Amino acid sequence: MSQQLNMFGTQDLPLFSGTCPRATVHPFTPRPQRIQGTLFKCPICHDTGRITVRTQHPHTCHFRYCWCEAGRKALEQDRANKGKKEE
């Protein structure tokens, strides 16, 4: 039927010029990236003060307090509320 063209049987030079193409190298200079602002001060607890710790049991989790300012406030509030409930 038709003969398959051999891909390596032709010359690699551009058509009709007979010379190699010239290449210029442009050095890559990255621009400094802007840091995206967040809505929260603390990226761990998202300013709630509490961190959910999951356990091996499927429906059980524990709450811990974050070490940021919001965590200290949440701990103080829970201690104050616990004292009021006991009275």
PDB file of N, CA and C in Angstrom:
ATOM      1  N   MET A   1       0.830  -1.182   0.000  1.00  0.00           N
ATOM      2  CA  MET A   1       0.000   0.000   0.000  1.00  0.00           C
ATOM      3  C   MET A   1       0.877   1.248   0.000  1.00  0.00           C
ATOM      4  N   SER A   2       1.215   1.750   1.176  1.00  0.00           N
ATOM      5  CA  SER A   2       2.096   2.913   1.223  1.00  0.00           C
ATOM      6  C   SER A   2       3.266   2.590   2.127  1.00  0.00           C
ATOM      7  N   GLN A   3       4.366   3.175   1.830  1.00  0.00           N
ATOM      8  CA  GLN A   3       5.566   2.916   2.612  1.00  0.00           C
ATOM      9  C   GLN A   3       5.617   3.898   3.781  1.00  0.00           C
ATOM     10  N   GLN A   4       5.916   3.387   4.972  1.00  0.00           N
ATOM     11  CA  GLN A   4       5.975   4.238   6.157  1.00  0.00           C
ATOM     12  C   GLN A   4       7.223   5.099   6.097  1.00  0.00           C
ATOM     13  N   LEU A   5       7.111   6.381   6.433  1.00  0.00           N
ATOM     14  CA  LEU A   5       8.230   7.317   6.426  1.00  0.00           C
ATOM     15  C   LEU A   5       9.137   7.024   7.607  1.00  0.00           C
ATOM     16  N   ASN A   6      10.401   6.902   7.335  1.00  0.00           N
ATOM     17  CA  ASN A   6      11.374   6.693   8.399  1.00  0.00           C
ATOM     18  C   ASN A   6      11.651   8.024   9.075  1.00  0.00           C
ATOM     19  N   MET A   7      11.389   8.110  10.344  1.00  0.00           N
ATOM     20  CA  MET A   7      11.508   9.377  11.054  1.00  0.00           C
ATOM     21  C   MET A   7      12.959   9.844  11.143  1.00  0.00           C
ATOM     22  N   PHE A   8      13.902   8.943  11.160  1.00  0.00           N
ATOM     23  CA  PHE A   8      15.307   9.329  11.281  1.00  0.00           C
ATOM     24  C   PHE A   8      16.013   9.344   9.923  1.00  0.00           C
ATOM     25  N   GLY A   9      15.292   9.203   8.862  1.00  0.00           N
ATOM     26  CA  GLY A   9      15.904   9.166   7.545  1.00  0.00           C
ATOM     27  C   GLY A   9      16.082  10.527   6.912  1.00  0.00           C
ATOM     28  N   THR A  10      15.589  11.573   7.521  1.00  0.00           N
ATOM     29  CA  THR A  10      15.684  12.923   6.952  1.00  0.00           C
ATOM     30  C   THR A  10      16.666  13.749   7.763  1.00  0.00           C
ATOM     31  N   GLN A  11      16.987  14.919   7.242  1.00  0.00           N
ATOM     32  CA  GLN A  11      17.895  15.824   7.942  1.00  0.00           C
ATOM     33  C   GLN A  11      17.143  16.588   9.024  1.00  0.00           C
ATOM     34  N   ASP A  12      17.895  17.020  10.044  1.00  0.00           N
ATOM     35  CA  ASP A  12      17.283  17.754  11.154  1.00  0.00           C
ATOM     36  C   ASP A  12      17.326  19.267  10.963  1.00  0.00           C
ATOM     37  N   LEU A  13      17.867  19.738   9.895  1.00  0.00           N
ATOM     38  CA  LEU A  13      17.986  21.175   9.675  1.00  0.00           C
ATOM     39  C   LEU A  13      16.663  21.741   9.179  1.00  0.00           C
ATOM     40  N   PRO A  14      16.406  23.036   9.427  1.00  0.00           N
ATOM     41  CA  PRO A  14      15.165  23.644   8.963  1.00  0.00           C
ATOM     42  C   PRO A  14      15.068  23.620   7.433  1.00  0.00           C
ATOM     43  N   LEU A  15      13.863  23.715   6.952  1.00  0.00           N
ATOM     44  CA  LEU A  15      13.619  23.663   5.519  1.00  0.00           C
ATOM     45  C   LEU A  15      14.318  24.794   4.767  1.00  0.00           C
ATOM     46  N   PHE A  16      14.982  24.475   3.703  1.00  0.00           N
ATOM     47  CA  PHE A  16      15.543  25.382   2.702  1.00  0.00           C
ATOM     48  C   PHE A  16      16.644  26.311   3.201  1.00  0.00           C
ATOM     49  N   SER A  17      17.025  26.283   4.481  1.00  0.00           N
ATOM     50  CA  SER A  17      18.044  27.232   4.932  1.00  0.00           C
ATOM     51  C   SER A  17      19.426  26.602   4.962  1.00  0.00           C
ATOM     52  N   GLY A  18      19.523  25.372   5.398  1.00  0.00           N
ATOM     53  CA  GLY A  18      20.806  24.715   5.462  1.00  0.00           C
ATOM     54  C   GLY A  18      21.630  25.097   6.677  1.00  0.00           C
ATOM     55  N   THR A  19      21.098  25.934   7.586  1.00  0.00           N
ATOM     56  CA  THR A  19      21.827  26.323   8.797  1.00  0.00           C
ATOM     57  C   THR A  19      21.003  25.960  10.026  1.00  0.00           C
ATOM     58  N   CYS A  20      21.701  25.814  11.099  1.00  0.00           N
ATOM     59  CA  CYS A  20      21.020  25.503  12.362  1.00  0.00           C
ATOM     60  C   CYS A  20      20.313  26.742  12.898  1.00  0.00           C
ATOM     61  N   PRO A  21      19.181  26.573  13.565  1.00  0.00           N
ATOM     62  CA  PRO A  21      18.508  27.727  14.163  1.00  0.00           C
ATOM     63  C   PRO A  21      19.285  28.236  15.370  1.00  0.00           C
ATOM     64  N   ARG A  22      19.178  29.547  15.623  1.00  0.00           N
ATOM     65  CA  ARG A  22      19.841  30.154  16.775  1.00  0.00           C
ATOM     66  C   ARG A  22      18.878  30.188  17.955  1.00  0.00           C
ATOM     67  N   ALA A  23      19.434  29.937  19.095  1.00  0.00           N
ATOM     68  CA  ALA A  23      18.627  29.976  20.314  1.00  0.00           C
ATOM     69  C   ALA A  23      19.226  30.983  21.276  1.00  0.00           C
ATOM     70  N   THR A  24      18.368  31.708  21.960  1.00  0.00           N
ATOM     71  CA  THR A  24      18.831  32.646  22.977  1.00  0.00           C
ATOM     72  C   THR A  24      18.280  32.186  24.319  1.00  0.00           C
ATOM     73  N   VAL A  25      19.101  32.285  25.316  1.00  0.00           N
ATOM     74  CA  VAL A  25      18.710  31.855  26.656  1.00  0.00           C
ATOM     75  C   VAL A  25      18.329  33.087  27.469  1.00  0.00           C
ATOM     76  N   HIS A  26      17.122  33.056  27.989  1.00  0.00           N
ATOM     77  CA  HIS A  26      16.655  34.128  28.866  1.00  0.00           C
ATOM     78  C   HIS A  26      16.698  33.589  30.289  1.00  0.00           C
ATOM     79  N   PRO A  27      17.530  34.137  31.177  1.00  0.00           N
ATOM     80  CA  PRO A  27      17.619  33.589  32.542  1.00  0.00           C
ATOM     81  C   PRO A  27      16.298  33.795  33.300  1.00  0.00           C
ATOM     82  N   PHE A  28      15.961  32.816  34.090  1.00  0.00           N
ATOM     83  CA  PHE A  28      14.736  32.865  34.885  1.00  0.00           C
ATOM     84  C   PHE A  28      14.987  33.648  36.161  1.00  0.00           C
ATOM     85  N   THR A  29      14.239  34.693  36.349  1.00  0.00           N
ATOM     86  CA  THR A  29      14.332  35.489  37.573  1.00  0.00           C
ATOM     87  C   THR A  29      12.953  35.477  38.245  1.00  0.00           C
ATOM     88  N   PRO A  30      12.776  34.659  39.270  1.00  0.00           N
ATOM     89  CA  PRO A  30      11.462  34.578  39.916  1.00  0.00           C
ATOM     90  C   PRO A  30      11.139  35.845  40.683  1.00  0.00           C
ATOM     91  N   ARG A  31       9.869  36.181  40.650  1.00  0.00           N
ATOM     92  CA  ARG A  31       9.405  37.343  41.413  1.00  0.00           C
ATOM     93  C   ARG A  31       9.092  36.898  42.836  1.00  0.00           C
ATOM     94  N   PRO A  32       9.290  37.764  43.803  1.00  0.00           N
ATOM     95  CA  PRO A  32       8.932  37.371  45.175  1.00  0.00           C
ATOM     96  C   PRO A  32       7.419  37.161  45.279  1.00  0.00           C
ATOM     97  N   GLN A  33       7.042  36.088  45.943  1.00  0.00           N
ATOM     98  CA  GLN A  33       5.633  35.753  46.097  1.00  0.00           C
ATOM     99  C   GLN A  33       5.028  36.547  47.251  1.00  0.00           C
ATOM    100  N   ARG A  34       3.817  37.031  47.022  1.00  0.00           N
ATOM    101  CA  ARG A  34       3.118  37.706  48.101  1.00  0.00           C
ATOM    102  C   ARG A  34       2.485  36.659  49.004  1.00  0.00           C
ATOM    103  N   ILE A  35       2.524  36.896  50.282  1.00  0.00           N
ATOM    104  CA  ILE A  35       1.935  35.980  51.248  1.00  0.00           C
ATOM    105  C   ILE A  35       0.457  36.311  51.376  1.00  0.00           C
ATOM    106  N   GLN A  36      -0.363  35.290  51.260  1.00  0.00           N
ATOM    107  CA  GLN A  36      -1.793  35.488  51.372  1.00  0.00           C
ATOM    108  C   GLN A  36      -2.172  35.706  52.830  1.00  0.00           C
ATOM    109  N   GLY A  37      -2.933  36.729  53.078  1.00  0.00           N
ATOM    110  CA  GLY A  37      -3.371  37.023  54.430  1.00  0.00           C
ATOM    111  C   GLY A  37      -4.405  36.022  54.913  1.00  0.00           C
ATOM    112  N   THR A  38      -4.488  35.826  56.204  1.00  0.00           N
ATOM    113  CA  THR A  38      -5.477  34.920  56.765  1.00  0.00           C
ATOM    114  C   THR A  38      -6.473  35.717  57.598  1.00  0.00           C
ATOM    115  N   LEU A  39      -7.591  35.102  57.828  1.00  0.00           N
ATOM    116  CA  LEU A  39      -8.607  35.747  58.659  1.00  0.00           C
ATOM    117  C   LEU A  39      -8.360  35.501  60.137  1.00  0.00           C
ATOM    118  N   PHE A  40      -7.470  34.579  60.442  1.00  0.00           N
ATOM    119  CA  PHE A  40      -7.224  34.181  61.825  1.00  0.00           C
ATOM    120  C   PHE A  40      -5.806  34.545  62.232  1.00  0.00           C
ATOM    121  N   LYS A  41      -5.631  34.807  63.508  1.00  0.00           N
ATOM    122  CA  LYS A  41      -4.288  35.032  64.032  1.00  0.00           C
ATOM    123  C   LYS A  41      -3.565  33.714  64.241  1.00  0.00           C
ATOM    124  N   CYS A  42      -4.293  32.711  64.709  1.00  0.00           N
ATOM    125  CA  CYS A  42      -3.696  31.404  64.993  1.00  0.00           C
ATOM    126  C   CYS A  42      -4.101  30.414  63.903  1.00  0.00           C
ATOM    127  N   PRO A  43      -3.141  29.870  63.151  1.00  0.00           N
ATOM    128  CA  PRO A  43      -3.504  28.921  62.095  1.00  0.00           C
ATOM    129  C   PRO A  43      -3.857  27.537  62.617  1.00  0.00           C
ATOM    130  N   ILE A  44      -3.620  27.264  63.900  1.00  0.00           N
ATOM    131  CA  ILE A  44      -3.888  25.933  64.450  1.00  0.00           C
ATOM    132  C   ILE A  44      -5.346  25.815  64.899  1.00  0.00           C
ATOM    133  N   CYS A  45      -5.811  26.758  65.709  1.00  0.00           N
ATOM    134  CA  CYS A  45      -7.172  26.649  66.248  1.00  0.00           C
ATOM    135  C   CYS A  45      -8.148  27.616  65.581  1.00  0.00           C
ATOM    136  N   HIS A  46      -7.680  28.439  64.668  1.00  0.00           N
ATOM    137  CA  HIS A  46      -8.514  29.441  63.991  1.00  0.00           C
ATOM    138  C   HIS A  46      -9.216  30.351  64.994  1.00  0.00           C
ATOM    139  N   ASP A  47      -8.473  30.754  66.009  1.00  0.00           N
ATOM    140  CA  ASP A  47      -8.916  31.690  67.041  1.00  0.00           C
ATOM    141  C   ASP A  47     -10.107  31.189  67.864  1.00  0.00           C
ATOM    142  N   THR A  48     -10.325  29.885  67.918  1.00  0.00           N
ATOM    143  CA  THR A  48     -11.363  29.344  68.804  1.00  0.00           C
ATOM    144  C   THR A  48     -10.780  28.994  70.155  1.00  0.00           C
ATOM    145  N   GLY A  49      -9.486  28.690  70.198  1.00  0.00           N
ATOM    146  CA  GLY A  49      -8.832  28.333  71.442  1.00  0.00           C
ATOM    147  C   GLY A  49      -8.880  26.852  71.747  1.00  0.00           C
ATOM    148  N   ARG A  50      -9.677  26.112  70.994  1.00  0.00           N
ATOM    149  CA  ARG A  50      -9.825  24.682  71.244  1.00  0.00           C
ATOM    150  C   ARG A  50      -9.351  23.871  70.032  1.00  0.00           C
ATOM    151  N   ILE A  51      -8.738  22.726  70.313  1.00  0.00           N
ATOM    152  CA  ILE A  51      -8.262  21.823  69.269  1.00  0.00           C
ATOM    153  C   ILE A  51      -8.948  20.486  69.479  1.00  0.00           C
ATOM    154  N   THR A  52      -9.509  19.913  68.431  1.00  0.00           N
ATOM    155  CA  THR A  52     -10.157  18.615  68.513  1.00  0.00           C
ATOM    156  C   THR A  52      -9.115  17.526  68.268  1.00  0.00           C
ATOM    157  N   VAL A  53      -8.989  16.610  69.205  1.00  0.00           N
ATOM    158  CA  VAL A  53      -8.052  15.495  69.090  1.00  0.00           C
ATOM    159  C   VAL A  53      -8.874  14.234  68.900  1.00  0.00           C
ATOM    160  N   ARG A  54      -8.712  13.593  67.766  1.00  0.00           N
ATOM    161  CA  ARG A  54      -9.470  12.372  67.487  1.00  0.00           C
ATOM    162  C   ARG A  54      -8.773  11.169  68.110  1.00  0.00           C
ATOM    163  N   THR A  55      -9.564  10.224  68.527  1.00  0.00           N
ATOM    164  CA  THR A  55      -9.031   9.011  69.142  1.00  0.00           C
ATOM    165  C   THR A  55      -9.237   7.828  68.196  1.00  0.00           C
ATOM    166  N   GLN A  56      -8.852   6.643  68.648  1.00  0.00           N
ATOM    167  CA  GLN A  56      -9.018   5.447  67.823  1.00  0.00           C
ATOM    168  C   GLN A  56     -10.476   5.010  67.729  1.00  0.00           C
ATOM    169  N   HIS A  57     -11.266   5.400  68.698  1.00  0.00           N
ATOM    170  CA  HIS A  57     -12.683   5.045  68.668  1.00  0.00           C
ATOM    171  C   HIS A  57     -13.397   5.952  67.664  1.00  0.00           C
ATOM    172  N   PRO A  58     -14.315   5.406  66.876  1.00  0.00           N
ATOM    173  CA  PRO A  58     -14.875   6.178  65.766  1.00  0.00           C
ATOM    174  C   PRO A  58     -15.653   7.433  66.151  1.00  0.00           C
ATOM    175  N   HIS A  59     -16.386   7.394  67.261  1.00  0.00           N
ATOM    176  CA  HIS A  59     -17.234   8.541  67.595  1.00  0.00           C
ATOM    177  C   HIS A  59     -16.764   9.271  68.845  1.00  0.00           C
ATOM    178  N   THR A  60     -15.510   9.152  69.169  1.00  0.00           N
ATOM    179  CA  THR A  60     -14.975   9.784  70.366  1.00  0.00           C
ATOM    180  C   THR A  60     -13.895  10.775  69.970  1.00  0.00           C
ATOM    181  N   CYS A  61     -13.951  11.939  70.555  1.00  0.00           N
ATOM    182  CA  CYS A  61     -12.866  12.905  70.350  1.00  0.00           C
ATOM    183  C   CYS A  61     -12.709  13.728  71.630  1.00  0.00           C
ATOM    184  N   HIS A  62     -11.534  14.244  71.824  1.00  0.00           N
ATOM    185  CA  HIS A  62     -11.221  15.041  73.001  1.00  0.00           C
ATOM    186  C   HIS A  62     -10.903  16.463  72.557  1.00  0.00           C
ATOM    187  N   PHE A  63     -11.154  17.389  73.439  1.00  0.00           N
ATOM    188  CA  PHE A  63     -10.825  18.774  73.147  1.00  0.00           C
ATOM    189  C   PHE A  63      -9.634  19.191  73.990  1.00  0.00           C
ATOM    190  N   ARG A  64      -8.691  19.835  73.375  1.00  0.00           N
ATOM    191  CA  ARG A  64      -7.532  20.384  74.062  1.00  0.00           C
ATOM    192  C   ARG A  64      -7.519  21.883  73.798  1.00  0.00           C
ATOM    193  N   TYR A  65      -6.741  22.571  74.567  1.00  0.00           N
ATOM    194  CA  TYR A  65      -6.644  24.022  74.418  1.00  0.00           C
ATOM    195  C   TYR A  65      -5.369  24.377  73.665  1.00  0.00           C
ATOM    196  N   CYS A  66      -5.485  25.339  72.797  1.00  0.00           N
ATOM    197  CA  CYS A  66      -4.339  25.814  72.023  1.00  0.00           C
ATOM    198  C   CYS A  66      -3.449  26.659  72.934  1.00  0.00           C
ATOM    199  N   TRP A  67      -2.199  26.825  72.548  1.00  0.00           N
ATOM    200  CA  TRP A  67      -1.269  27.593  73.386  1.00  0.00           C
ATOM    201  C   TRP A  67      -1.232  29.066  72.993  1.00  0.00           C
ATOM    202  N   CYS A  68      -2.132  29.480  72.091  1.00  0.00           N
ATOM    203  CA  CYS A  68      -2.183  30.894  71.694  1.00  0.00           C
ATOM    204  C   CYS A  68      -3.024  31.683  72.714  1.00  0.00           C
ATOM    205  N   GLU A  69      -3.185  32.948  72.461  1.00  0.00           N
ATOM    206  CA  GLU A  69      -3.944  33.816  73.368  1.00  0.00           C
ATOM    207  C   GLU A  69      -5.410  33.383  73.457  1.00  0.00           C
ATOM    208  N   ALA A  70      -5.987  32.978  72.336  1.00  0.00           N
ATOM    209  CA  ALA A  70      -7.380  32.521  72.335  1.00  0.00           C
ATOM    210  C   ALA A  70      -7.537  31.248  73.157  1.00  0.00           C
ATOM    211  N   GLY A  71      -6.532  30.394  73.139  1.00  0.00           N
ATOM    212  CA  GLY A  71      -6.572  29.168  73.943  1.00  0.00           C
ATOM    213  C   GLY A  71      -6.529  29.453  75.425  1.00  0.00           C
ATOM    214  N   ARG A  72      -5.698  30.431  75.800  1.00  0.00           N
ATOM    215  CA  ARG A  72      -5.639  30.803  77.221  1.00  0.00           C
ATOM    216  C   ARG A  72      -6.968  31.395  77.688  1.00  0.00           C
ATOM    217  N   LYS A  73      -7.586  32.200  76.823  1.00  0.00           N
ATOM    218  CA  LYS A  73      -8.883  32.791  77.179  1.00  0.00           C
ATOM    219  C   LYS A  73      -9.964  31.715  77.277  1.00  0.00           C
ATOM    220  N   ALA A  74      -9.953  30.759  76.364  1.00  0.00           N
ATOM    221  CA  ALA A  74     -10.950  29.681  76.399  1.00  0.00           C
ATOM    222  C   ALA A  74     -10.782  28.834  77.646  1.00  0.00           C
ATOM    223  N   LEU A  75      -9.548  28.570  78.030  1.00  0.00           N
ATOM    224  CA  LEU A  75      -9.289  27.791  79.242  1.00  0.00           C
ATOM    225  C   LEU A  75      -9.791  28.539  80.480  1.00  0.00           C
ATOM    226  N   GLU A  76      -9.523  29.835  80.543  1.00  0.00           N
ATOM    227  CA  GLU A  76      -9.997  30.632  81.678  1.00  0.00           C
ATOM    228  C   GLU A  76     -11.521  30.665  81.722  1.00  0.00           C
ATOM    229  N   GLN A  77     -12.163  30.814  80.566  1.00  0.00           N
ATOM    230  CA  GLN A  77     -13.630  30.839  80.525  1.00  0.00           C
ATOM    231  C   GLN A  77     -14.216  29.502  80.970  1.00  0.00           C
ATOM    232  N   ASP A  78     -13.635  28.395  80.500  1.00  0.00           N
ATOM    233  CA  ASP A  78     -14.149  27.077  80.894  1.00  0.00           C
ATOM    234  C   ASP A  78     -13.940  26.809  82.374  1.00  0.00           C
ATOM    235  N   ARG A  79     -12.821  27.255  82.925  1.00  0.00           N
ATOM    236  CA  ARG A  79     -12.589  27.092  84.368  1.00  0.00           C
ATOM    237  C   ARG A  79     -13.591  27.919  85.166  1.00  0.00           C
ATOM    238  N   ALA A  80     -13.879  29.138  84.688  1.00  0.00           N
ATOM    239  CA  ALA A  80     -14.842  29.991  85.379  1.00  0.00           C
ATOM    240  C   ALA A  80     -16.255  29.408  85.273  1.00  0.00           C
ATOM    241  N   ASN A  81     -16.611  28.886  84.101  1.00  0.00           N
ATOM    242  CA  ASN A  81     -17.941  28.291  83.931  1.00  0.00           C
ATOM    243  C   ASN A  81     -18.080  27.008  84.743  1.00  0.00           C
ATOM    244  N   LYS A  82     -17.017  26.234  84.861  1.00  0.00           N
ATOM    245  CA  LYS A  82     -17.061  24.996  85.643  1.00  0.00           C
ATOM    246  C   LYS A  82     -17.261  25.315  87.126  1.00  0.00           C
ATOM    247  N   GLY A  83     -16.642  26.401  87.609  1.00  0.00           N
ATOM    248  CA  GLY A  83     -16.812  26.823  89.001  1.00  0.00           C
ATOM    249  C   GLY A  83     -18.234  27.308  89.263  1.00  0.00           C
ATOM    250  N   LYS A  84     -18.848  27.957  88.291  1.00  0.00           N
ATOM    251  CA  LYS A  84     -20.229  28.438  88.456  1.00  0.00           C
ATOM    252  C   LYS A  84     -21.220  27.278  88.458  1.00  0.00           C
ATOM    253  N   LYS A  85     -20.950  26.243  87.644  1.00  0.00           N
ATOM    254  CA  LYS A  85     -21.876  25.097  87.586  1.00  0.00           C
ATOM    255  C   LYS A  85     -21.854  24.303  88.887  1.00  0.00           C
ATOM    256  N   GLU A  86     -20.706  24.225  89.538  1.00  0.00           N
ATOM    257  CA  GLU A  86     -20.594  23.454  90.761  1.00  0.00           C
ATOM    258  C   GLU A  86     -21.268  24.150  91.944  1.00  0.00           C
ATOM    259  N   GLU A  87     -21.440  25.465  91.866  1.00  0.00           N
ATOM    260  CA  GLU A  87     -22.051  26.213  92.984  1.00  0.00           C
ATOM    261  C   GLU A  87     -23.511  26.050  93.033  1.00  0.00           C
TER     262      GLU A  87
END
